[in-house]
């Protein structure tokens, strides 16, 4: 099952979607199930350059893959 299906091809496309909860919800839910963490409402965090969301007591940070033309390695 594809948990993330939106095409990313550089900073412009990433900038339009990295704070869109509906885009990342399937991926976030999958991570919480896999890690056996309680899943609740997904909320926004202060925007930066990565997809960062709050779920209950947890903050989840999702990096764009290098294949997208975005290299966020220095931020990790």
Protein backbone atom coordinates (compact mmCIF):
# COMPACT_ATOMS: atom_id res chain seq x y z
CA UNK A 1 0.00 0.00 0.00
CA UNK A 2 1.33 3.45 -0.92
CA UNK A 3 1.13 5.67 2.13
CA UNK A 4 2.37 8.79 0.34
CA UNK A 5 1.34 9.30 -3.27
CA UNK A 6 1.94 12.99 -3.90
CA UNK A 7 4.72 13.77 -6.35
CA UNK A 8 7.49 16.02 -5.05
CA UNK A 9 9.87 17.58 -7.56
CA UNK A 10 11.79 20.28 -5.75
CA UNK A 11 11.23 22.97 -3.18
CA UNK A 12 8.24 24.59 -4.93
CA UNK A 13 6.10 21.46 -4.82
CA UNK A 14 7.29 20.57 -1.30
CA UNK A 15 6.44 24.08 -0.09
CA UNK A 16 2.87 23.68 -1.31
CA UNK A 17 2.22 20.43 0.57
CA UNK A 18 4.53 19.99 3.57
CA UNK A 19 1.95 21.38 6.01
CA UNK A 20 -1.08 19.62 4.51
CA UNK A 21 -2.39 17.21 7.12
CA UNK A 22 -4.51 15.20 4.67
CA UNK A 23 -1.44 14.50 2.51
CA UNK A 24 0.55 13.00 5.39
CA UNK A 25 -2.27 11.43 7.45
CA UNK A 26 -2.00 7.88 5.99
CA UNK A 27 1.77 7.84 6.54
CA UNK A 28 1.50 9.24 10.07
CA UNK A 29 -1.24 6.77 11.03
CA UNK A 30 0.88 3.90 9.71
CA UNK A 31 3.88 5.00 11.77
CA UNK A 32 1.78 5.23 14.93
CA UNK A 33 0.27 1.78 14.36
CA UNK A 34 3.68 0.24 13.65
CA UNK A 35 5.19 1.80 16.77
CA UNK A 36 2.10 0.98 18.88
CA UNK A 37 1.58 4.63 19.81
CA UNK A 38 -1.81 6.15 20.63
CA UNK A 39 -3.12 7.99 17.58
CA UNK A 40 -5.21 11.12 18.07
CA UNK A 41 -5.91 14.26 16.08
CA UNK A 42 -3.07 15.54 13.88
CA UNK A 43 -2.25 19.19 14.50
CA UNK A 44 0.10 21.66 12.86
CA UNK A 45 3.38 22.72 14.42
CA UNK A 46 5.34 25.86 13.61
CA UNK A 47 6.30 25.55 9.94
CA UNK A 48 9.93 25.18 8.94
CA UNK A 49 11.25 23.26 5.96
CA UNK A 50 10.06 19.77 6.95
CA UNK A 51 6.62 18.33 7.55
CA UNK A 52 6.20 18.60 11.33
CA UNK A 53 2.99 17.69 13.12
CA UNK A 54 1.79 17.10 16.67
CA UNK A 55 -0.21 13.97 17.50
CA UNK A 56 -1.23 13.85 21.15
CA UNK A 57 1.98 14.06 23.20
CA UNK A 58 4.19 13.31 20.17
CA UNK A 59 5.80 15.45 17.51
CA UNK A 60 6.47 13.73 14.20
CA UNK A 61 8.89 15.15 11.66
CA UNK A 62 8.86 13.88 8.09
CA UNK A 63 11.70 14.66 5.70
CA UNK A 64 11.30 14.83 1.93
CA UNK A 65 13.15 11.98 0.23
CA UNK A 66 16.39 12.90 -1.55
CA UNK A 67 14.85 11.58 -4.78
CA UNK A 68 12.55 14.61 -4.71
CA UNK A 69 15.47 16.94 -5.34
CA UNK A 70 15.40 18.17 -1.76
CA UNK A 71 18.32 17.44 0.51
CA UNK A 72 17.46 18.33 4.11
CA UNK A 73 20.34 16.31 5.60
CA UNK A 74 21.96 19.36 7.29
CA UNK A 75 18.72 19.99 9.24
CA UNK A 76 18.47 16.53 10.75
